[in-house]
Amino acid sequence: MTTCRPDIAFTSVKLSQSNSAPNQLHYHGLKHTIKYLYATQDDGIYYWRTKPCDNLKEVPPPKINSALHDLLLDKRPNHQPNVAVA
């Protein structure tokens, strides 16, 4: 969460602190966070160069260590933004 989505770091820490005694207020905060994640799922950090860097050597792409069923290659499930799915 802090390395891939630092924009929700504070929210996820605060929501995790209420796991022992959740309240209606925490549920509304969770719904708001899920709606925010749904709306910003295509956002990210983009890196680009104006010209190629000749100092870097050619390397093969990294090996994926995930199981095939974890990669969601067939289809990503489409859930509504106001439904919590875990």
PDB file of N, CA and C in Angstrom:
ATOM      1  N   MET A   1       0.827  -1.169   0.000  1.00  0.00           N
ATOM      2  CA  MET A   1       0.000   0.000   0.000  1.00  0.00           C
ATOM      3  C   MET A   1       0.877   1.239   0.000  1.00  0.00           C
ATOM      4  N   THR A   2       1.932   1.294   0.781  1.00  0.00           N
ATOM      5  CA  THR A   2       2.736   2.510   0.844  1.00  0.00           C
ATOM      6  C   THR A   2       3.673   2.634  -0.343  1.00  0.00           C
ATOM      7  N   THR A   3       3.989   1.535  -1.012  1.00  0.00           N
ATOM      8  CA  THR A   3       4.879   1.629  -2.169  1.00  0.00           C
ATOM      9  C   THR A   3       4.117   1.725  -3.479  1.00  0.00           C
ATOM     10  N   CYS A   4       2.976   1.058  -3.594  1.00  0.00           N
ATOM     11  CA  CYS A   4       2.256   1.103  -4.867  1.00  0.00           C
ATOM     12  C   CYS A   4       1.097   2.096  -4.847  1.00  0.00           C
ATOM     13  N   ARG A   5       0.523   2.433  -3.715  1.00  0.00           N
ATOM     14  CA  ARG A   5      -0.549   3.425  -3.623  1.00  0.00           C
ATOM     15  C   ARG A   5      -0.324   4.315  -2.399  1.00  0.00           C
ATOM     16  N   PRO A   6       0.694   5.181  -2.440  1.00  0.00           N
ATOM     17  CA  PRO A   6       0.944   6.040  -1.272  1.00  0.00           C
ATOM     18  C   PRO A   6      -0.169   7.048  -1.014  1.00  0.00           C
ATOM     19  N   ASP A   7      -1.044   7.276  -2.004  1.00  0.00           N
ATOM     20  CA  ASP A   7      -2.139   8.221  -1.808  1.00  0.00           C
ATOM     21  C   ASP A   7      -3.181   7.725  -0.821  1.00  0.00           C
ATOM     22  N   ILE A   8      -3.227   6.415  -0.551  1.00  0.00           N
ATOM     23  CA  ILE A   8      -4.196   5.893   0.418  1.00  0.00           C
ATOM     24  C   ILE A   8      -3.509   5.351   1.672  1.00  0.00           C
ATOM     25  N   ALA A   9      -2.245   5.681   1.861  1.00  0.00           N
ATOM     26  CA  ALA A   9      -1.498   5.163   3.013  1.00  0.00           C
ATOM     27  C   ALA A   9      -2.151   5.585   4.327  1.00  0.00           C
ATOM     28  N   PHE A  10      -2.447   6.867   4.472  1.00  0.00           N
ATOM     29  CA  PHE A  10      -3.030   7.359   5.722  1.00  0.00           C
ATOM     30  C   PHE A  10      -4.398   6.720   5.964  1.00  0.00           C
ATOM     31  N   THR A  11      -5.211   6.643   4.913  1.00  0.00           N
ATOM     32  CA  THR A  11      -6.553   6.077   5.040  1.00  0.00           C
ATOM     33  C   THR A  11      -6.517   4.615   5.448  1.00  0.00           C
ATOM     34  N   SER A  12      -5.635   3.838   4.834  1.00  0.00           N
ATOM     35  CA  SER A  12      -5.596   2.411   5.158  1.00  0.00           C
ATOM     36  C   SER A  12      -5.082   2.168   6.572  1.00  0.00           C
ATOM     37  N   VAL A  13      -4.171   2.995   7.044  1.00  0.00           N
ATOM     38  CA  VAL A  13      -3.696   2.855   8.427  1.00  0.00           C
ATOM     39  C   VAL A  13      -4.825   3.174   9.399  1.00  0.00           C
ATOM     40  N   LYS A  14      -5.549   4.255   9.135  1.00  0.00           N
ATOM     41  CA  LYS A  14      -6.650   4.626  10.028  1.00  0.00           C
ATOM     42  C   LYS A  14      -7.772   3.579  10.020  1.00  0.00           C
ATOM     43  N   LEU A  15      -8.074   3.035   8.855  1.00  0.00           N
ATOM     44  CA  LEU A  15      -9.116   2.005   8.802  1.00  0.00           C
ATOM     45  C   LEU A  15      -8.659   0.722   9.496  1.00  0.00           C
ATOM     46  N   SER A  16      -7.388   0.384   9.398  1.00  0.00           N
ATOM     47  CA  SER A  16      -6.908  -0.836  10.049  1.00  0.00           C
ATOM     48  C   SER A  16      -6.895  -0.692  11.567  1.00  0.00           C
ATOM     49  N   GLN A  17      -6.795   0.528  12.065  1.00  0.00           N
ATOM     50  CA  GLN A  17      -6.824   0.733  13.512  1.00  0.00           C
ATOM     51  C   GLN A  17      -8.209   0.468  14.096  1.00  0.00           C
ATOM     52  N   SER A  18      -9.230   0.469  13.270  1.00  0.00           N
ATOM     53  CA  SER A  18     -10.586   0.248  13.778  1.00  0.00           C
ATOM     54  C   SER A  18     -11.060  -1.181  13.547  1.00  0.00           C
ATOM     55  N   ASN A  19     -10.169  -2.090  13.227  1.00  0.00           N
ATOM     56  CA  ASN A  19     -10.573  -3.474  12.969  1.00  0.00           C
ATOM     57  C   ASN A  19     -11.131  -4.176  14.200  1.00  0.00           C
ATOM     58  N   SER A  20     -10.662  -3.821  15.376  1.00  0.00           N
ATOM     59  CA  SER A  20     -11.116  -4.519  16.578  1.00  0.00           C
ATOM     60  C   SER A  20     -12.530  -4.106  16.986  1.00  0.00           C
ATOM     61  N   ALA A  21     -12.917  -2.869  16.697  1.00  0.00           N
ATOM     62  CA  ALA A  21     -14.264  -2.405  17.041  1.00  0.00           C
ATOM     63  C   ALA A  21     -14.783  -1.486  15.943  1.00  0.00           C
ATOM     64  N   PRO A  22     -15.150  -2.059  14.773  1.00  0.00           N
ATOM     65  CA  PRO A  22     -15.616  -1.202  13.683  1.00  0.00           C
ATOM     66  C   PRO A  22     -16.965  -0.572  13.994  1.00  0.00           C
ATOM     67  N   ASN A  23     -17.182   0.584  13.392  1.00  0.00           N
ATOM     68  CA  ASN A  23     -18.399   1.344  13.609  1.00  0.00           C
ATOM     69  C   ASN A  23     -18.972   1.732  12.246  1.00  0.00           C
ATOM     70  N   GLN A  24     -20.159   2.284  12.218  1.00  0.00           N
ATOM     71  CA  GLN A  24     -20.781   2.719  10.974  1.00  0.00           C
ATOM     72  C   GLN A  24     -19.927   3.782  10.280  1.00  0.00           C
ATOM     73  N   LEU A  25     -19.280   4.638  11.046  1.00  0.00           N
ATOM     74  CA  LEU A  25     -18.406   5.672  10.496  1.00  0.00           C
ATOM     75  C   LEU A  25     -17.245   5.058   9.717  1.00  0.00           C
ATOM     76  N   HIS A  26     -16.688   3.963  10.236  1.00  0.00           N
ATOM     77  CA  HIS A  26     -15.571   3.296   9.557  1.00  0.00           C
ATOM     78  C   HIS A  26     -16.047   2.640   8.260  1.00  0.00           C
ATOM     79  N   TYR A  27     -17.254   2.118   8.266  1.00  0.00           N
ATOM     80  CA  TYR A  27     -17.809   1.512   7.058  1.00  0.00           C
ATOM     81  C   TYR A  27     -17.973   2.561   5.956  1.00  0.00           C
ATOM     82  N   HIS A  28     -18.433   3.749   6.325  1.00  0.00           N
ATOM     83  CA  HIS A  28     -18.570   4.815   5.330  1.00  0.00           C
ATOM     84  C   HIS A  28     -17.199   5.254   4.812  1.00  0.00           C
ATOM     85  N   GLY A  29     -16.208   5.273   5.687  1.00  0.00           N
ATOM     86  CA  GLY A  29     -14.851   5.589   5.244  1.00  0.00           C
ATOM     87  C   GLY A  29     -14.307   4.541   4.287  1.00  0.00           C
ATOM     88  N   LEU A  30     -14.602   3.272   4.567  1.00  0.00           N
ATOM     89  CA  LEU A  30     -14.181   2.189   3.681  1.00  0.00           C
ATOM     90  C   LEU A  30     -14.871   2.300   2.324  1.00  0.00           C
ATOM     91  N   LYS A  31     -16.164   2.597   2.320  1.00  0.00           N
ATOM     92  CA  LYS A  31     -16.890   2.759   1.059  1.00  0.00           C
ATOM     93  C   LYS A  31     -16.316   3.912   0.242  1.00  0.00           C
ATOM     94  N   HIS A  32     -15.995   4.997   0.905  1.00  0.00           N
ATOM     95  CA  HIS A  32     -15.415   6.143   0.216  1.00  0.00           C
ATOM     96  C   HIS A  32     -14.048   5.785  -0.380  1.00  0.00           C
ATOM     97  N   THR A  33     -13.244   5.040   0.377  1.00  0.00           N
ATOM     98  CA  THR A  33     -11.929   4.627  -0.111  1.00  0.00           C
ATOM     99  C   THR A  33     -12.053   3.700  -1.317  1.00  0.00           C
ATOM    100  N   ILE A  34     -13.002   2.774  -1.274  1.00  0.00           N
ATOM    101  CA  ILE A  34     -13.190   1.856  -2.396  1.00  0.00           C
ATOM    102  C   ILE A  34     -13.670   2.613  -3.629  1.00  0.00           C
ATOM    103  N   LYS A  35     -14.550   3.581  -3.457  1.00  0.00           N
ATOM    104  CA  LYS A  35     -14.987   4.398  -4.589  1.00  0.00           C
ATOM    105  C   LYS A  35     -13.808   5.180  -5.173  1.00  0.00           C
ATOM    106  N   TYR A  36     -12.944   5.706  -4.300  1.00  0.00           N
ATOM    107  CA  TYR A  36     -11.759   6.432  -4.763  1.00  0.00           C
ATOM    108  C   TYR A  36     -10.826   5.505  -5.536  1.00  0.00           C
ATOM    109  N   LEU A  37     -10.598   4.302  -5.028  1.00  0.00           N
ATOM    110  CA  LEU A  37      -9.734   3.347  -5.725  1.00  0.00           C
ATOM    111  C   LEU A  37     -10.324   2.951  -7.073  1.00  0.00           C
ATOM    112  N   TYR A  38     -11.640   2.793  -7.121  1.00  0.00           N
ATOM    113  CA  TYR A  38     -12.303   2.433  -8.373  1.00  0.00           C
ATOM    114  C   TYR A  38     -12.141   3.554  -9.402  1.00  0.00           C
ATOM    115  N   ALA A  39     -12.268   4.797  -8.941  1.00  0.00           N
ATOM    116  CA  ALA A  39     -12.170   5.933  -9.858  1.00  0.00           C
ATOM    117  C   ALA A  39     -10.740   6.191 -10.319  1.00  0.00           C
ATOM    118  N   THR A  40      -9.759   5.779  -9.528  1.00  0.00           N
ATOM    119  CA  THR A  40      -8.356   6.060  -9.858  1.00  0.00           C
ATOM    120  C   THR A  40      -7.579   4.792 -10.175  1.00  0.00           C
ATOM    121  N   GLN A  41      -8.247   3.733 -10.621  1.00  0.00           N
ATOM    122  CA  GLN A  41      -7.547   2.472 -10.841  1.00  0.00           C
ATOM    123  C   GLN A  41      -6.566   2.533 -12.001  1.00  0.00           C
ATOM    124  N   ASP A  42      -6.737   3.469 -12.919  1.00  0.00           N
ATOM    125  CA  ASP A  42      -5.809   3.589 -14.036  1.00  0.00           C
ATOM    126  C   ASP A  42      -4.717   4.619 -13.785  1.00  0.00           C
ATOM    127  N   ASP A  43      -4.749   5.304 -12.657  1.00  0.00           N
ATOM    128  CA  ASP A  43      -3.707   6.277 -12.339  1.00  0.00           C
ATOM    129  C   ASP A  43      -2.425   5.557 -11.970  1.00  0.00           C
ATOM    130  N   GLY A  44      -1.327   6.216 -12.143  1.00  0.00           N
ATOM    131  CA  GLY A  44      -0.059   5.609 -11.779  1.00  0.00           C
ATOM    132  C   GLY A  44       1.073   6.597 -11.972  1.00  0.00           C
ATOM    133  N   ILE A  45       2.262   6.127 -11.770  1.00  0.00           N
ATOM    134  CA  ILE A  45       3.459   6.924 -11.973  1.00  0.00           C
ATOM    135  C   ILE A  45       4.044   6.517 -13.314  1.00  0.00           C
ATOM    136  N   TYR A  46       4.245   7.475 -14.170  1.00  0.00           N
ATOM    137  CA  TYR A  46       4.778   7.198 -15.490  1.00  0.00           C
ATOM    138  C   TYR A  46       6.188   7.787 -15.595  1.00  0.00           C
ATOM    139  N   TYR A  47       7.092   6.994 -16.124  1.00  0.00           N
ATOM    140  CA  TYR A  47       8.464   7.419 -16.332  1.00  0.00           C
ATOM    141  C   TYR A  47       8.724   7.482 -17.832  1.00  0.00           C
ATOM    142  N   TRP A  48       9.399   8.501 -18.276  1.00  0.00           N
ATOM    143  CA  TRP A  48       9.737   8.603 -19.684  1.00  0.00           C
ATOM    144  C   TRP A  48      11.054   9.339 -19.840  1.00  0.00           C
ATOM    145  N   ARG A  49      11.642   9.179 -20.997  1.00  0.00           N
ATOM    146  CA  ARG A  49      12.879   9.868 -21.348  1.00  0.00           C
ATOM    147  C   ARG A  49      12.655  10.598 -22.666  1.00  0.00           C
ATOM    148  N   THR A  50      13.375  11.669 -22.843  1.00  0.00           N
ATOM    149  CA  THR A  50      13.283  12.383 -24.111  1.00  0.00           C
ATOM    150  C   THR A  50      14.110  11.697 -25.186  1.00  0.00           C
ATOM    151  N   LYS A  51      15.134  10.952 -24.763  1.00  0.00           N
ATOM    152  CA  LYS A  51      15.944  10.187 -25.719  1.00  0.00           C
ATOM    153  C   LYS A  51      16.441   8.924 -25.018  1.00  0.00           C
ATOM    154  N   PRO A  52      16.815   7.883 -25.770  1.00  0.00           N
ATOM    155  CA  PRO A  52      17.291   6.652 -25.140  1.00  0.00           C
ATOM    156  C   PRO A  52      18.601   6.869 -24.389  1.00  0.00           C
ATOM    157  N   CYS A  53      18.773   6.101 -23.321  1.00  0.00           N
ATOM    158  CA  CYS A  53      20.003   6.157 -22.532  1.00  0.00           C
ATOM    159  C   CYS A  53      20.926   5.039 -23.023  1.00  0.00           C
ATOM    160  N   ASP A  54      22.045   5.414 -23.600  1.00  0.00           N
ATOM    161  CA  ASP A  54      22.972   4.433 -24.164  1.00  0.00           C
ATOM    162  C   ASP A  54      23.799   3.713 -23.109  1.00  0.00           C
ATOM    163  N   ASN A  55      23.821   4.207 -21.876  1.00  0.00           N
ATOM    164  CA  ASN A  55      24.629   3.596 -20.819  1.00  0.00           C
ATOM    165  C   ASN A  55      24.013   2.317 -20.270  1.00  0.00           C
ATOM    166  N   LEU A  56      22.724   2.104 -20.502  1.00  0.00           N
ATOM    167  CA  LEU A  56      22.045   0.932 -19.946  1.00  0.00           C
ATOM    168  C   LEU A  56      22.199  -0.248 -20.882  1.00  0.00           C
ATOM    169  N   LYS A  57      22.483  -1.407 -20.314  1.00  0.00           N
ATOM    170  CA  LYS A  57      22.609  -2.611 -21.131  1.00  0.00           C
ATOM    171  C   LYS A  57      21.245  -3.265 -21.319  1.00  0.00           C
ATOM    172  N   GLU A  58      21.135  -4.057 -22.364  1.00  0.00           N
ATOM    173  CA  GLU A  58      19.903  -4.787 -22.646  1.00  0.00           C
ATOM    174  C   GLU A  58      19.772  -5.963 -21.683  1.00  0.00           C
ATOM    175  N   VAL A  59      18.648  -6.072 -21.024  1.00  0.00           N
ATOM    176  CA  VAL A  59      18.398  -7.180 -20.100  1.00  0.00           C
ATOM    177  C   VAL A  59      17.026  -7.755 -20.413  1.00  0.00           C
ATOM    178  N   PRO A  60      16.832  -9.042 -20.136  1.00  0.00           N
ATOM    179  CA  PRO A  60      15.504  -9.623 -20.367  1.00  0.00           C
ATOM    180  C   PRO A  60      14.515  -9.104 -19.318  1.00  0.00           C
ATOM    181  N   PRO A  61      13.223  -9.141 -19.617  1.00  0.00           N
ATOM    182  CA  PRO A  61      12.240  -8.703 -18.618  1.00  0.00           C
ATOM    183  C   PRO A  61      12.262  -9.620 -17.402  1.00  0.00           C
ATOM    184  N   PRO A  62      11.856  -9.124 -16.247  1.00  0.00           N
ATOM    185  CA  PRO A  62      11.879  -9.954 -15.040  1.00  0.00           C
ATOM    186  C   PRO A  62      10.904 -11.119 -15.134  1.00  0.00           C
ATOM    187  N   LYS A  63      11.237 -12.195 -14.431  1.00  0.00           N
ATOM    188  CA  LYS A  63      10.380 -13.380 -14.414  1.00  0.00           C
ATOM    189  C   LYS A  63       9.224 -13.154 -13.439  1.00  0.00           C
ATOM    190  N   ILE A  64       8.026 -13.527 -13.858  1.00  0.00           N
ATOM    191  CA  ILE A  64       6.846 -13.395 -13.005  1.00  0.00           C
ATOM    192  C   ILE A  64       6.765 -14.621 -12.112  1.00  0.00           C
ATOM    193  N   ASN A  65       6.736 -14.406 -10.801  1.00  0.00           N
ATOM    194  CA  ASN A  65       6.724 -15.505  -9.846  1.00  0.00           C
ATOM    195  C   ASN A  65       5.327 -15.826  -9.333  1.00  0.00           C
ATOM    196  N   SER A  66       4.310 -15.232  -9.916  1.00  0.00           N
ATOM    197  CA  SER A  66       2.944 -15.477  -9.468  1.00  0.00           C
ATOM    198  C   SER A  66       2.378 -16.722 -10.140  1.00  0.00           C
ATOM    199  N   ALA A  67       1.401 -17.320  -9.505  1.00  0.00           N
ATOM    200  CA  ALA A  67       0.679 -18.428 -10.120  1.00  0.00           C
ATOM    201  C   ALA A  67      -0.231 -17.868 -11.209  1.00  0.00           C
ATOM    202  N   LEU A  68      -0.532 -18.657 -12.217  1.00  0.00           N
ATOM    203  CA  LEU A  68      -1.338 -18.169 -13.335  1.00  0.00           C
ATOM    204  C   LEU A  68      -2.727 -17.707 -12.903  1.00  0.00           C
ATOM    205  N   HIS A  69      -3.329 -18.384 -11.930  1.00  0.00           N
ATOM    206  CA  HIS A  69      -4.670 -17.979 -11.508  1.00  0.00           C
ATOM    207  C   HIS A  69      -4.648 -16.663 -10.732  1.00  0.00           C
ATOM    208  N   ASP A  70      -3.476 -16.263 -10.215  1.00  0.00           N
ATOM    209  CA  ASP A  70      -3.377 -14.987  -9.511  1.00  0.00           C
ATOM    210  C   ASP A  70      -3.206 -13.801 -10.455  1.00  0.00           C
ATOM    211  N   LEU A  71      -2.803 -14.046 -11.677  1.00  0.00           N
ATOM    212  CA  LEU A  71      -2.532 -12.956 -12.607  1.00  0.00           C
ATOM    213  C   LEU A  71      -3.777 -12.381 -13.262  1.00  0.00           C
ATOM    214  N   LEU A  72      -4.885 -13.067 -13.184  1.00  0.00           N
ATOM    215  CA  LEU A  72      -6.141 -12.619 -13.787  1.00  0.00           C
ATOM    216  C   LEU A  72      -5.965 -12.337 -15.279  1.00  0.00           C
ATOM    217  N   LEU A  73      -5.314 -13.258 -15.975  1.00  0.00           N
ATOM    218  CA  LEU A  73      -5.061 -13.066 -17.396  1.00  0.00           C
ATOM    219  C   LEU A  73      -6.331 -13.198 -18.225  1.00  0.00           C
ATOM    220  N   ASP A  74      -7.255 -14.039 -17.769  1.00  0.00           N
ATOM    221  CA  ASP A  74      -8.465 -14.250 -18.566  1.00  0.00           C
ATOM    222  C   ASP A  74      -9.368 -13.022 -18.531  1.00  0.00           C
ATOM    223  N   LYS A  75      -9.796 -12.612 -17.357  1.00  0.00           N
ATOM    224  CA  LYS A  75     -10.637 -11.423 -17.212  1.00  0.00           C
ATOM    225  C   LYS A  75     -10.541 -10.927 -15.778  1.00  0.00           C
ATOM    226  N   ARG A  76     -10.468  -9.641 -15.634  1.00  0.00           N
ATOM    227  CA  ARG A  76     -10.485  -9.046 -14.305  1.00  0.00           C
ATOM    228  C   ARG A  76     -11.939  -8.940 -13.859  1.00  0.00           C
ATOM    229  N   PRO A  77     -12.249  -9.370 -12.643  1.00  0.00           N
ATOM    230  CA  PRO A  77     -13.642  -9.284 -12.187  1.00  0.00           C
ATOM    231  C   PRO A  77     -14.094  -7.825 -12.128  1.00  0.00           C
ATOM    232  N   ASN A  78     -15.315  -7.592 -12.537  1.00  0.00           N
ATOM    233  CA  ASN A  78     -15.856  -6.245 -12.557  1.00  0.00           C
ATOM    234  C   ASN A  78     -16.855  -6.104 -11.417  1.00  0.00           C
ATOM    235  N   HIS A  79     -16.444  -5.457 -10.339  1.00  0.00           N
ATOM    236  CA  HIS A  79     -17.294  -5.258  -9.176  1.00  0.00           C
ATOM    237  C   HIS A  79     -17.781  -3.819  -9.154  1.00  0.00           C
ATOM    238  N   GLN A  80     -18.900  -3.609  -8.522  1.00  0.00           N
ATOM    239  CA  GLN A  80     -19.426  -2.265  -8.377  1.00  0.00           C
ATOM    240  C   GLN A  80     -18.539  -1.476  -7.413  1.00  0.00           C
ATOM    241  N   PRO A  81     -18.404  -0.150  -7.590  1.00  0.00           N
ATOM    242  CA  PRO A  81     -17.509   0.631  -6.737  1.00  0.00           C
ATOM    243  C   PRO A  81     -17.980   0.767  -5.292  1.00  0.00           C
ATOM    244  N   ASN A  82     -19.229   0.468  -5.009  1.00  0.00           N
ATOM    245  CA  ASN A  82     -19.733   0.620  -3.640  1.00  0.00           C
ATOM    246  C   ASN A  82     -19.867  -0.719  -2.916  1.00  0.00           C
ATOM    247  N   VAL A  83     -19.273  -1.793  -3.461  1.00  0.00           N
ATOM    248  CA  VAL A  83     -19.349  -3.107  -2.846  1.00  0.00           C
ATOM    249  C   VAL A  83     -17.949  -3.522  -2.418  1.00  0.00           C
ATOM    250  N   ALA A  84     -17.787  -3.883  -1.161  1.00  0.00           N
ATOM    251  CA  ALA A  84     -16.480  -4.335  -0.651  1.00  0.00           C
ATOM    252  C   ALA A  84     -16.317  -5.818  -0.967  1.00  0.00           C
ATOM    253  N   VAL A  85     -15.289  -6.161  -1.735  1.00  0.00           N
ATOM    254  CA  VAL A  85     -15.014  -7.539  -2.121  1.00  0.00           C
ATOM    255  C   VAL A  85     -13.596  -7.863  -1.687  1.00  0.00           C
ATOM    256  N   ALA A  86     -13.421  -8.973  -0.966  1.00  0.00           N
ATOM    257  CA  ALA A  86     -12.079  -9.338  -0.510  1.00  0.00           C
ATOM    258  C   ALA A  86     -11.782 -10.770  -0.913  1.00  0.00           C
TER     259      ALA A  86
END
